[in-house]
Amino acid sequence: MLKLKFLIPTVLLLLGIALYLRGQGLDENIVKVDMSVREEIRVPEPEPAITYAYLPQYSHKVSYQRHNKLIEYLSQETGLSIRQVFPNTFEEHRRMVEKGDIDISFSNPMTYIRIANGGAAAFARIIEPSGSPTFRGQIIARRDNRFIHKTKDCIGKSWIAVDPLSAGGYLFVLGLFLDNGITAADFKEIAFAAGPGGKQEKAVLAVYAGKYDFASIREGTLDIVKDKVNISKIKVIAETKPYPSWVYAARKDLDPNIKELIANAMFKLSMNDPEQAEILKQAGIRGIIPAQDDDYNSIRTLAEELGLNNYQKKERRVKE
């Protein structure tokens, strides 16, 4: 009796499975796959081009949107194929320049003095939307923060900065604190925006959300993030002194003729030409002017004051 009790449901179950599979057409001829026969599929490599990279202070999307028209203009004006590439971090940007994976680097001055140690050379710098060839760092907090009104109020508070290598978003502000007798040990915490790209936005958002007491950002960032953050709820506590603006550098061993073609095309851009004005506005630039390595000696002085002496030592070794 016991066997019959289990036998009948089992037979009915197998019959049901067979009918289901037949209804699904799974009783059709089985195709056998010979796994010993394989074909290697190659990922197509990009066409040879001059590579152009914007230090990832903002998201890759913002970087692309800001510089795409400029790169199209440079390609048309020079006849060169130019492609924008997107490093994920400041450090990756630096390494790519040194390896020759980035031909034209657009970076902050603090990153520039590092890649210059590896042989990259400045040839152009920007005029900021303000009309100045310099820029500043800013300290921001929520407007309703009752405890932070001036630089010294930041002592004992939590600080979100952009990146350890960020100029306006960290090192300029660190220099401002040192000038006021405040060291890194005087803060409750110093954190850096996590993840690839978008670091300026993340620093602002972290303060807006109340996660940190104050942030350090590059001058001009609040205008860029105004579509994401109600910037009327943010106040600027202090600004650093001005430093030379962002810089275009050519990697070591880049053909000088290519650099000259690109530089000349950049210097032709004018706000007086409506089409070119749109290109410049989209990039957050008012103009591009010639630059040379010595323009960034004030940055090297700041790096030394901050104890970043390895920059100076590497630089001396290169020059020796």
C-alpha atoms as a PDB file:
ATOM      1  CA  MET A   1       0.000   0.000   0.000  1.00  0.00           C
ATOM      2  CA  LEU A   2       2.861   2.350   0.882  1.00  0.00           C
ATOM      3  CA  LYS A   3       4.569   1.966  -2.524  1.00  0.00           C
ATOM      4  CA  LEU A   4       1.287   2.511  -4.378  1.00  0.00           C
ATOM      5  CA  LYS A   5       0.743   5.676  -2.323  1.00  0.00           C
ATOM      6  CA  PHE A   6       3.953   7.239  -3.750  1.00  0.00           C
ATOM      7  CA  LEU A   7       3.893   5.562  -7.157  1.00  0.00           C
ATOM      8  CA  ILE A   8       0.697   7.179  -8.436  1.00  0.00           C
ATOM      9  CA  PRO A   9       1.731  10.831  -7.662  1.00  0.00           C
ATOM     10  CA  THR A  10       5.161  10.186  -9.176  1.00  0.00           C
ATOM     11  CA  VAL A  11       3.687   8.857 -12.410  1.00  0.00           C
ATOM     12  CA  LEU A  12       1.299  11.808 -12.610  1.00  0.00           C
ATOM     13  CA  LEU A  13       4.157  14.272 -11.986  1.00  0.00           C
ATOM     14  CA  LEU A  14       6.348  12.780 -14.737  1.00  0.00           C
ATOM     15  CA  LEU A  15       3.394  12.765 -17.125  1.00  0.00           C
ATOM     16  CA  GLY A  16       2.742  16.431 -16.361  1.00  0.00           C
ATOM     17  CA  ILE A  17       6.388  17.406 -16.942  1.00  0.00           C
ATOM     18  CA  ALA A  18       6.409  15.559 -20.257  1.00  0.00           C
ATOM     19  CA  LEU A  19       3.247  17.336 -21.414  1.00  0.00           C
ATOM     20  CA  TYR A  20       4.673  20.716 -20.318  1.00  0.00           C
ATOM     21  CA  LEU A  21       7.945  20.202 -22.155  1.00  0.00           C
ATOM     22  CA  ARG A  22       6.090  19.081 -25.254  1.00  0.00           C
ATOM     23  CA  GLY A  23       3.965  22.232 -25.082  1.00  0.00           C
ATOM     24  CA  GLN A  24       7.125  24.346 -24.811  1.00  0.00           C
ATOM     25  CA  GLY A  25       8.656  22.673 -27.815  1.00  0.00           C
ATOM     26  CA  LEU A  26      11.619  21.438 -25.756  1.00  0.00           C
ATOM     27  CA  ASP A  27      11.371  17.970 -27.214  1.00  0.00           C
ATOM     28  CA  GLU A  28      12.751  19.316 -30.502  1.00  0.00           C
ATOM     29  CA  ASN A  29      16.161  18.253 -31.750  1.00  0.00           C
ATOM     30  CA  ILE A  30      18.935  19.236 -29.353  1.00  0.00           C
ATOM     31  CA  VAL A  31      21.800  21.270 -30.803  1.00  0.00           C
ATOM     32  CA  LYS A  32      25.114  20.085 -29.502  1.00  0.00           C
ATOM     33  CA  VAL A  33      27.839  22.703 -28.946  1.00  0.00           C
ATOM     34  CA  ASP A  34      31.458  21.718 -29.416  1.00  0.00           C
ATOM     35  CA  MET A  35      33.211  23.798 -26.739  1.00  0.00           C
ATOM     36  CA  SER A  36      36.608  22.866 -28.151  1.00  0.00           C
ATOM     37  CA  VAL A  37      35.960  25.061 -31.191  1.00  0.00           C
ATOM     38  CA  ARG A  38      36.262  28.739 -30.235  1.00  0.00           C
ATOM     39  CA  GLU A  39      36.701  32.018 -32.039  1.00  0.00           C
ATOM     40  CA  GLU A  40      38.498  34.915 -30.376  1.00  0.00           C
ATOM     41  CA  ILE A  41      36.562  38.163 -30.615  1.00  0.00           C
ATOM     42  CA  ARG A  42      38.728  41.265 -30.527  1.00  0.00           C
ATOM     43  CA  VAL A  43      37.495  44.523 -29.078  1.00  0.00           C
ATOM     44  CA  PRO A  44      37.942  47.150 -31.785  1.00  0.00           C
ATOM     45  CA  GLU A  45      40.662  49.651 -30.927  1.00  0.00           C
ATOM     46  CA  PRO A  46      39.942  53.372 -31.255  1.00  0.00           C
ATOM     47  CA  GLU A  47      41.335  55.191 -34.264  1.00  0.00           C
ATOM     48  CA  PRO A  48      44.683  56.936 -33.617  1.00  0.00           C
ATOM     49  CA  ALA A  49      44.058  60.424 -32.275  1.00  0.00           C
ATOM     50  CA  ILE A  50      45.495  63.137 -30.092  1.00  0.00           C
ATOM     51  CA  THR A  51      44.114  62.470 -26.606  1.00  0.00           C
ATOM     52  CA  TYR A  52      42.763  65.348 -24.541  1.00  0.00           C
ATOM     53  CA  ALA A  53      41.836  64.999 -20.872  1.00  0.00           C
ATOM     54  CA  TYR A  54      40.150  67.316 -18.402  1.00  0.00           C
ATOM     55  CA  LEU A  55      41.207  66.639 -14.782  1.00  0.00           C
ATOM     56  CA  PRO A  56      38.090  64.890 -13.326  1.00  0.00           C
ATOM     57  CA  GLN A  57      36.989  67.580 -10.901  1.00  0.00           C
ATOM     58  CA  TYR A  58      33.413  67.156 -12.149  1.00  0.00           C
ATOM     59  CA  SER A  59      31.510  64.069 -13.403  1.00  0.00           C
ATOM     60  CA  HIS A  60      32.522  62.602 -16.761  1.00  0.00           C
ATOM     61  CA  LYS A  61      29.186  63.798 -18.175  1.00  0.00           C
ATOM     62  CA  VAL A  62      29.896  67.384 -17.117  1.00  0.00           C
ATOM     63  CA  SER A  63      33.490  67.119 -18.391  1.00  0.00           C
ATOM     64  CA  TYR A  64      32.219  65.936 -21.771  1.00  0.00           C
ATOM     65  CA  GLN A  65      29.497  68.578 -21.980  1.00  0.00           C
ATOM     66  CA  ARG A  66      31.871  71.392 -21.080  1.00  0.00           C
ATOM     67  CA  HIS A  67      34.687  70.495 -23.483  1.00  0.00           C
ATOM     68  CA  ASN A  68      33.068  68.628 -26.371  1.00  0.00           C
ATOM     69  CA  LYS A  69      32.516  71.729 -28.520  1.00  0.00           C
ATOM     70  CA  LEU A  70      36.010  72.985 -27.799  1.00  0.00           C
ATOM     71  CA  ILE A  71      37.521  69.683 -28.939  1.00  0.00           C
ATOM     72  CA  GLU A  72      35.393  69.705 -32.108  1.00  0.00           C
ATOM     73  CA  TYR A  73      36.623  73.237 -32.810  1.00  0.00           C
ATOM     74  CA  LEU A  74      40.266  72.272 -32.260  1.00  0.00           C
ATOM     75  CA  SER A  75      39.896  69.274 -34.576  1.00  0.00           C
ATOM     76  CA  GLN A  76      38.393  71.408 -37.341  1.00  0.00           C
ATOM     77  CA  GLU A  77      40.884  74.239 -36.920  1.00  0.00           C
ATOM     78  CA  THR A  78      44.006  72.028 -36.830  1.00  0.00           C
ATOM     79  CA  GLY A  79      42.918  69.140 -39.056  1.00  0.00           C
ATOM     80  CA  LEU A  80      43.942  66.764 -36.253  1.00  0.00           C
ATOM     81  CA  SER A  81      41.831  63.925 -34.923  1.00  0.00           C
ATOM     82  CA  ILE A  82      41.375  64.748 -31.230  1.00  0.00           C
ATOM     83  CA  ARG A  83      39.581  62.484 -28.745  1.00  0.00           C
ATOM     84  CA  GLN A  84      38.608  63.272 -25.157  1.00  0.00           C
ATOM     85  CA  VAL A  85      39.572  60.619 -22.605  1.00  0.00           C
ATOM     86  CA  PHE A  86      38.270  60.368 -19.054  1.00  0.00           C
ATOM     87  CA  PRO A  87      40.573  59.464 -16.156  1.00  0.00           C
ATOM     88  CA  ASN A  88      38.657  58.551 -13.007  1.00  0.00           C
ATOM     89  CA  THR A  89      40.882  60.267 -10.471  1.00  0.00           C
ATOM     90  CA  PHE A  90      43.421  63.066 -10.216  1.00  0.00           C
ATOM     91  CA  GLU A  91      46.146  60.494  -9.625  1.00  0.00           C
ATOM     92  CA  GLU A  92      45.096  58.449 -12.662  1.00  0.00           C
ATOM     93  CA  HIS A  93      45.191  61.617 -14.765  1.00  0.00           C
ATOM     94  CA  ARG A  94      48.765  62.267 -13.638  1.00  0.00           C
ATOM     95  CA  ARG A  95      49.884  58.700 -14.362  1.00  0.00           C
ATOM     96  CA  MET A  96      48.271  58.733 -17.820  1.00  0.00           C
ATOM     97  CA  VAL A  97      50.156  61.902 -18.760  1.00  0.00           C
ATOM     98  CA  GLU A  98      53.434  60.373 -17.624  1.00  0.00           C
ATOM     99  CA  LYS A  99      52.730  57.140 -19.565  1.00  0.00           C
ATOM    100  CA  GLY A 100      51.915  59.095 -22.708  1.00  0.00           C
ATOM    101  CA  ASP A 101      48.216  58.094 -22.697  1.00  0.00           C
ATOM    102  CA  ILE A 102      47.196  61.764 -22.470  1.00  0.00           C
ATOM    103  CA  ASP A 103      48.715  64.131 -25.035  1.00  0.00           C
ATOM    104  CA  ILE A 104      47.011  67.337 -23.934  1.00  0.00           C
ATOM    105  CA  SER A 105      46.278  67.758 -20.236  1.00  0.00           C
ATOM    106  CA  PHE A 106      43.918  70.372 -18.848  1.00  0.00           C
ATOM    107  CA  SER A 107      44.524  70.443 -15.116  1.00  0.00           C
ATOM    108  CA  ASN A 108      44.648  72.495 -11.994  1.00  0.00           C
ATOM    109  CA  PRO A 109      48.028  74.099 -11.230  1.00  0.00           C
ATOM    110  CA  MET A 110      48.800  71.754  -8.325  1.00  0.00           C
ATOM    111  CA  THR A 111      48.449  68.706 -10.595  1.00  0.00           C
ATOM    112  CA  TYR A 112      50.440  70.560 -13.247  1.00  0.00           C
ATOM    113  CA  ILE A 113      53.557  70.948 -11.094  1.00  0.00           C
ATOM    114  CA  ARG A 114      53.477  67.179 -10.532  1.00  0.00           C
ATOM    115  CA  ILE A 115      53.152  66.232 -14.207  1.00  0.00           C
ATOM    116  CA  ALA A 116      55.803  68.856 -15.008  1.00  0.00           C
ATOM    117  CA  ASN A 117      58.181  66.815 -12.884  1.00  0.00           C
ATOM    118  CA  GLY A 118      57.614  64.015 -15.386  1.00  0.00           C
ATOM    119  CA  GLY A 119      58.422  66.228 -18.355  1.00  0.00           C
ATOM    120  CA  ALA A 120      55.047  67.757 -19.299  1.00  0.00           C
ATOM    121  CA  ALA A 121      55.244  71.429 -20.253  1.00  0.00           C
ATOM    122  CA  ALA A 122      52.714  74.248 -19.873  1.00  0.00           C
ATOM    123  CA  PHE A 123      51.826  76.105 -23.066  1.00  0.00           C
ATOM    124  CA  ALA A 124      48.479  77.775 -22.314  1.00  0.00           C
ATOM    125  CA  ARG A 125      46.281  78.863 -19.408  1.00  0.00           C
ATOM    126  CA  ILE A 126      42.709  80.012 -19.209  1.00  0.00           C
ATOM    127  CA  ILE A 127      41.046  83.282 -18.402  1.00  0.00           C
ATOM    128  CA  GLU A 128      38.323  82.554 -15.856  1.00  0.00           C
ATOM    129  CA  PRO A 129      34.687  83.584 -16.496  1.00  0.00           C
ATOM    130  CA  SER A 130      35.397  86.460 -14.078  1.00  0.00           C
ATOM    131  CA  GLY A 131      37.895  87.836 -16.605  1.00  0.00           C
ATOM    132  CA  SER A 132      40.930  87.016 -14.448  1.00  0.00           C
ATOM    133  CA  PRO A 133      43.739  84.571 -15.315  1.00  0.00           C
ATOM    134  CA  THR A 134      43.661  83.486 -11.654  1.00  0.00           C
ATOM    135  CA  PHE A 135      41.228  81.637  -9.392  1.00  0.00           C
ATOM    136  CA  ARG A 136      40.631  81.008  -5.697  1.00  0.00           C
ATOM    137  CA  GLY A 137      39.500  78.325  -3.300  1.00  0.00           C
ATOM    138  CA  GLN A 138      36.385  78.866  -1.187  1.00  0.00           C
ATOM    139  CA  ILE A 139      35.147  77.652   2.199  1.00  0.00           C
ATOM    140  CA  ILE A 140      31.398  77.028   2.233  1.00  0.00           C
ATOM    141  CA  ALA A 141      28.834  76.004   4.863  1.00  0.00           C
ATOM    142  CA  ARG A 142      25.067  75.808   5.107  1.00  0.00           C
ATOM    143  CA  ARG A 143      23.574  79.268   5.510  1.00  0.00           C
ATOM    144  CA  ASP A 144      21.636  78.078   8.582  1.00  0.00           C
ATOM    145  CA  ASN A 145      24.822  76.853  10.305  1.00  0.00           C
ATOM    146  CA  ARG A 146      24.940  79.099  13.415  1.00  0.00           C
ATOM    147  CA  PHE A 147      28.435  78.020  14.418  1.00  0.00           C
ATOM    148  CA  ILE A 148      30.526  78.890  11.344  1.00  0.00           C
ATOM    149  CA  HIS A 149      30.822  82.501  10.216  1.00  0.00           C
ATOM    150  CA  LYS A 150      34.562  82.989   9.704  1.00  0.00           C
ATOM    151  CA  THR A 151      37.752  80.963   9.127  1.00  0.00           C
ATOM    152  CA  LYS A 152      38.593  80.350  12.795  1.00  0.00           C
ATOM    153  CA  ASP A 153      35.074  78.995  13.412  1.00  0.00           C
ATOM    154  CA  CYS A 154      36.093  75.926  11.371  1.00  0.00           C
ATOM    155  CA  ILE A 155      38.374  74.692  14.189  1.00  0.00           C
ATOM    156  CA  GLY A 156      37.032  71.464  15.666  1.00  0.00           C
ATOM    157  CA  LYS A 157      34.544  70.979  12.799  1.00  0.00           C
ATOM    158  CA  SER A 158      34.300  68.306  10.096  1.00  0.00           C
ATOM    159  CA  TRP A 159      35.676  69.245   6.667  1.00  0.00           C
ATOM    160  CA  ILE A 160      34.827  67.663   3.313  1.00  0.00           C
ATOM    161  CA  ALA A 161      37.403  68.492   0.646  1.00  0.00           C
ATOM    162  CA  VAL A 162      37.468  67.635  -3.035  1.00  0.00           C
ATOM    163  CA  ASP A 163      40.652  65.588  -3.373  1.00  0.00           C
ATOM    164  CA  PRO A 164      44.098  65.536  -1.715  1.00  0.00           C
ATOM    165  CA  LEU A 165      45.503  66.913  -5.006  1.00  0.00           C
ATOM    166  CA  SER A 166      42.748  69.440  -5.612  1.00  0.00           C
ATOM    167  CA  ALA A 167      44.075  72.997  -5.819  1.00  0.00           C
ATOM    168  CA  GLY A 168      41.018  75.198  -5.138  1.00  0.00           C
ATOM    169  CA  GLY A 169      39.148  72.311  -3.540  1.00  0.00           C
ATOM    170  CA  TYR A 170      41.729  71.562  -0.853  1.00  0.00           C
ATOM    171  CA  LEU A 171      45.348  72.778  -0.981  1.00  0.00           C
ATOM    172  CA  PHE A 172      44.654  76.509  -1.485  1.00  0.00           C
ATOM    173  CA  VAL A 173      42.286  76.375   1.513  1.00  0.00           C
ATOM    174  CA  LEU A 174      44.761  74.366   3.571  1.00  0.00           C
ATOM    175  CA  GLY A 175      47.258  77.173   2.880  1.00  0.00           C
ATOM    176  CA  LEU A 176      44.689  79.748   4.013  1.00  0.00           C
ATOM    177  CA  PHE A 177      44.198  77.895   7.289  1.00  0.00           C
ATOM    178  CA  LEU A 178      47.989  77.718   7.834  1.00  0.00           C
ATOM    179  CA  ASP A 179      48.234  81.477   7.254  1.00  0.00           C
ATOM    180  CA  ASN A 180      45.732  81.841  10.108  1.00  0.00           C
ATOM    181  CA  GLY A 181      47.666  79.530  12.412  1.00  0.00           C
ATOM    182  CA  ILE A 182      45.315  76.577  11.880  1.00  0.00           C
ATOM    183  CA  THR A 183      46.739  73.150  11.032  1.00  0.00           C
ATOM    184  CA  ALA A 184      45.146  69.927   9.801  1.00  0.00           C
ATOM    185  CA  ALA A 185      45.253  68.584  13.369  1.00  0.00           C
ATOM    186  CA  ASP A 186      42.808  71.313  14.477  1.00  0.00           C
ATOM    187  CA  PHE A 187      39.822  69.769  12.678  1.00  0.00           C
ATOM    188  CA  LYS A 188      37.481  67.068  13.915  1.00  0.00           C
ATOM    189  CA  GLU A 189      37.832  65.303  10.560  1.00  0.00           C
ATOM    190  CA  ILE A 190      39.112  65.909   7.048  1.00  0.00           C
ATOM    191  CA  ALA A 191      37.368  63.725   4.442  1.00  0.00           C
ATOM    192  CA  PHE A 192      37.661  63.673   0.663  1.00  0.00           C
ATOM    193  CA  ALA A 193      34.848  63.231  -1.846  1.00  0.00           C
ATOM    194  CA  ALA A 194      34.606  59.543  -2.699  1.00  0.00           C
ATOM    195  CA  GLY A 195      34.420  57.830  -6.068  1.00  0.00           C
ATOM    196  CA  PRO A 196      35.514  58.778  -9.558  1.00  0.00           C
ATOM    197  CA  GLY A 197      34.817  62.247 -10.934  1.00  0.00           C
ATOM    198  CA  GLY A 198      32.134  64.618  -9.736  1.00  0.00           C
ATOM    199  CA  LYS A 199      34.143  65.487  -6.658  1.00  0.00           C
ATOM    200  CA  GLN A 200      33.326  69.207  -6.572  1.00  0.00           C
ATOM    201  CA  GLU A 201      29.611  68.411  -6.771  1.00  0.00           C
ATOM    202  CA  LYS A 202      29.919  65.775  -4.030  1.00  0.00           C
ATOM    203  CA  ALA A 203      31.660  68.194  -1.669  1.00  0.00           C
ATOM    204  CA  VAL A 204      28.860  70.748  -2.085  1.00  0.00           C
ATOM    205  CA  LEU A 205      26.140  68.091  -1.742  1.00  0.00           C
ATOM    206  CA  ALA A 206      27.746  66.702   1.447  1.00  0.00           C
ATOM    207  CA  VAL A 207      27.522  70.112   3.118  1.00  0.00           C
ATOM    208  CA  TYR A 208      24.041  70.789   1.737  1.00  0.00           C
ATOM    209  CA  ALA A 209      22.886  67.433   3.204  1.00  0.00           C
ATOM    210  CA  GLY A 210      24.406  68.317   6.579  1.00  0.00           C
ATOM    211  CA  LYS A 211      26.879  65.430   6.548  1.00  0.00           C
ATOM    212  CA  TYR A 212      29.866  67.741   7.103  1.00  0.00           C
ATOM    213  CA  ASP A 213      30.162  71.157   8.768  1.00  0.00           C
ATOM    214  CA  PHE A 214      31.983  72.865   5.899  1.00  0.00           C
ATOM    215  CA  ALA A 215      33.583  72.174   2.502  1.00  0.00           C
ATOM    216  CA  SER A 216      36.401  73.552   0.395  1.00  0.00           C
ATOM    217  CA  ILE A 217      35.650  74.021  -3.298  1.00  0.00           C
ATOM    218  CA  ARG A 218      36.979  75.730  -6.364  1.00  0.00           C
ATOM    219  CA  GLU A 219      35.718  79.245  -7.089  1.00  0.00           C
ATOM    220  CA  GLY A 220      32.952  78.953  -9.711  1.00  0.00           C
ATOM    221  CA  THR A 221      31.659  75.559  -8.534  1.00  0.00           C
ATOM    222  CA  LEU A 222      28.448  76.913  -6.975  1.00  0.00           C
ATOM    223  CA  ASP A 223      27.359  78.301 -10.314  1.00  0.00           C
ATOM    224  CA  ILE A 224      27.925  74.907 -11.953  1.00  0.00           C
ATOM    225  CA  VAL A 225      25.908  72.953  -9.360  1.00  0.00           C
ATOM    226  CA  LYS A 226      23.014  75.427  -9.097  1.00  0.00           C
ATOM    227  CA  ASP A 227      20.756  73.027 -11.023  1.00  0.00           C
ATOM    228  CA  LYS A 228      21.382  70.283  -8.440  1.00  0.00           C
ATOM    229  CA  VAL A 229      21.535  72.274  -5.215  1.00  0.00           C
ATOM    230  CA  ASN A 230      19.572  75.227  -3.873  1.00  0.00           C
ATOM    231  CA  ILE A 231      22.665  77.387  -3.537  1.00  0.00           C
ATOM    232  CA  SER A 232      20.689  80.071  -1.673  1.00  0.00           C
ATOM    233  CA  LYS A 233      21.064  77.720   1.317  1.00  0.00           C
ATOM    234  CA  ILE A 234      24.879  77.831   1.007  1.00  0.00           C
ATOM    235  CA  LYS A 235      27.148  80.637   2.257  1.00  0.00           C
ATOM    236  CA  VAL A 236      30.779  81.379   1.391  1.00  0.00           C
ATOM    237  CA  ILE A 237      32.770  81.755   4.611  1.00  0.00           C
ATOM    238  CA  ALA A 238      36.111  82.787   3.126  1.00  0.00           C
ATOM    239  CA  GLU A 239      38.160  82.836  -0.071  1.00  0.00           C
ATOM    240  CA  THR A 240      41.858  82.191  -0.600  1.00  0.00           C
ATOM    241  CA  LYS A 241      44.221  84.557  -2.370  1.00  0.00           C
ATOM    242  CA  PRO A 242      44.290  84.175  -6.172  1.00  0.00           C
ATOM    243  CA  TYR A 243      46.572  81.642  -7.862  1.00  0.00           C
ATOM    244  CA  PRO A 244      47.362  81.146 -11.580  1.00  0.00           C
ATOM    245  CA  SER A 245      44.496  79.558 -13.457  1.00  0.00           C
ATOM    246  CA  TRP A 246      44.078  76.086 -14.919  1.00  0.00           C
ATOM    247  CA  VAL A 247      46.729  75.112 -17.391  1.00  0.00           C
ATOM    248  CA  TYR A 248      47.111  73.265 -20.668  1.00  0.00           C
ATOM    249  CA  ALA A 249      50.225  71.105 -20.811  1.00  0.00           C
ATOM    250  CA  ALA A 250      51.653  68.871 -23.512  1.00  0.00           C
ATOM    251  CA  ARG A 251      53.049  65.523 -22.477  1.00  0.00           C
ATOM    252  CA  LYS A 252      56.744  64.855 -22.721  1.00  0.00           C
ATOM    253  CA  ASP A 253      57.859  64.060 -26.301  1.00  0.00           C
ATOM    254  CA  LEU A 254      54.664  65.275 -27.969  1.00  0.00           C
ATOM    255  CA  ASP A 255      55.517  66.532 -31.460  1.00  0.00           C
ATOM    256  CA  PRO A 256      56.155  70.319 -31.053  1.00  0.00           C
ATOM    257  CA  ASN A 257      54.327  70.982 -34.334  1.00  0.00           C
ATOM    258  CA  ILE A 258      51.171  69.373 -32.935  1.00  0.00           C
ATOM    259  CA  LYS A 259      51.429  71.429 -29.759  1.00  0.00           C
ATOM    260  CA  GLU A 260      51.886  74.611 -31.791  1.00  0.00           C
ATOM    261  CA  LEU A 261      48.881  73.847 -33.999  1.00  0.00           C
ATOM    262  CA  ILE A 262      46.657  73.286 -30.966  1.00  0.00           C
ATOM    263  CA  ALA A 263      48.015  76.298 -29.073  1.00  0.00           C
ATOM    264  CA  ASN A 264      47.476  78.656 -32.001  1.00  0.00           C
ATOM    265  CA  ALA A 265      43.915  77.413 -32.449  1.00  0.00           C
ATOM    266  CA  MET A 266      43.255  78.006 -28.739  1.00  0.00           C
ATOM    267  CA  PHE A 267      44.672  81.547 -28.839  1.00  0.00           C
ATOM    268  CA  LYS A 268      42.367  82.452 -31.763  1.00  0.00           C
ATOM    269  CA  LEU A 269      39.244  81.832 -29.684  1.00  0.00           C
ATOM    270  CA  SER A 270      37.466  85.094 -28.954  1.00  0.00           C
ATOM    271  CA  MET A 271      34.341  86.115 -27.065  1.00  0.00           C
ATOM    272  CA  ASN A 272      33.788  88.653 -29.853  1.00  0.00           C
ATOM    273  CA  ASP A 273      32.924  85.835 -32.273  1.00  0.00           C
ATOM    274  CA  PRO A 274      29.388  84.560 -31.453  1.00  0.00           C
ATOM    275  CA  GLU A 275      30.137  80.937 -32.414  1.00  0.00           C
ATOM    276  CA  GLN A 276      33.439  80.876 -30.539  1.00  0.00           C
ATOM    277  CA  ALA A 277      31.832  82.626 -27.563  1.00  0.00           C
ATOM    278  CA  GLU A 278      29.421  79.676 -27.250  1.00  0.00           C
ATOM    279  CA  ILE A 279      32.347  77.248 -27.250  1.00  0.00           C
ATOM    280  CA  LEU A 280      34.114  79.212 -24.515  1.00  0.00           C
ATOM    281  CA  LYS A 281      30.990  79.691 -22.393  1.00  0.00           C
ATOM    282  CA  GLN A 282      30.219  75.991 -22.522  1.00  0.00           C
ATOM    283  CA  ALA A 283      33.740  75.205 -21.315  1.00  0.00           C
ATOM    284  CA  GLY A 284      33.522  77.752 -18.496  1.00  0.00           C
ATOM    285  CA  ILE A 285      36.358  79.735 -20.040  1.00  0.00           C
ATOM    286  CA  ARG A 286      36.549  83.378 -21.104  1.00  0.00           C
ATOM    287  CA  GLY A 287      39.701  82.961 -23.148  1.00  0.00           C
ATOM    288  CA  ILE A 288      42.963  81.042 -23.502  1.00  0.00           C
ATOM    289  CA  ILE A 289      46.328  82.784 -23.324  1.00  0.00           C
ATOM    290  CA  PRO A 290      49.968  81.629 -23.598  1.00  0.00           C
ATOM    291  CA  ALA A 291      51.630  80.194 -20.499  1.00  0.00           C
ATOM    292  CA  GLN A 292      55.004  78.919 -19.449  1.00  0.00           C
ATOM    293  CA  ASP A 293      56.290  76.782 -16.616  1.00  0.00           C
ATOM    294  CA  ASP A 294      57.527  79.711 -14.494  1.00  0.00           C
ATOM    295  CA  ASP A 295      53.967  81.041 -14.220  1.00  0.00           C
ATOM    296  CA  TYR A 296      53.391  78.279 -11.659  1.00  0.00           C
ATOM    297  CA  ASN A 297      56.265  79.004  -9.270  1.00  0.00           C
ATOM    298  CA  SER A 298      53.816  80.447  -6.723  1.00  0.00           C
ATOM    299  CA  ILE A 299      52.152  77.016  -6.672  1.00  0.00           C
ATOM    300  CA  ARG A 300      55.505  75.384  -6.001  1.00  0.00           C
ATOM    301  CA  THR A 301      56.032  77.819  -3.113  1.00  0.00           C
ATOM    302  CA  LEU A 302      52.636  76.876  -1.685  1.00  0.00           C
ATOM    303  CA  ALA A 303      53.440  73.166  -2.043  1.00  0.00           C
ATOM    304  CA  GLU A 304      56.634  73.721  -0.070  1.00  0.00           C
ATOM    305  CA  GLU A 305      54.774  75.653   2.647  1.00  0.00           C
ATOM    306  CA  LEU A 306      52.331  72.763   2.928  1.00  0.00           C
ATOM    307  CA  GLY A 307      55.142  70.284   3.353  1.00  0.00           C
ATOM    308  CA  LEU A 308      54.668  68.708  -0.048  1.00  0.00           C
ATOM    309  CA  ASN A 309      58.401  68.829  -0.550  1.00  0.00           C
ATOM    310  CA  ASN A 310      58.521  65.739  -2.739  1.00  0.00           C
ATOM    311  CA  TYR A 311      57.288  67.926  -5.583  1.00  0.00           C
ATOM    312  CA  GLN A 312      60.276  70.193  -5.185  1.00  0.00           C
ATOM    313  CA  LYS A 313      62.737  67.335  -4.860  1.00  0.00           C
ATOM    314  CA  LYS A 314      61.428  65.612  -7.980  1.00  0.00           C
ATOM    315  CA  GLU A 315      61.528  68.875  -9.861  1.00  0.00           C
ATOM    316  CA  ARG A 316      65.148  69.485  -8.903  1.00  0.00           C
ATOM    317  CA  ARG A 317      66.116  65.975  -9.965  1.00  0.00           C
ATOM    318  CA  VAL A 318      64.497  66.481 -13.362  1.00  0.00           C
ATOM    319  CA  LYS A 319      66.298  69.791 -13.918  1.00  0.00           C
ATOM    320  CA  GLU A 320      69.616  68.381 -12.773  1.00  0.00           C
END
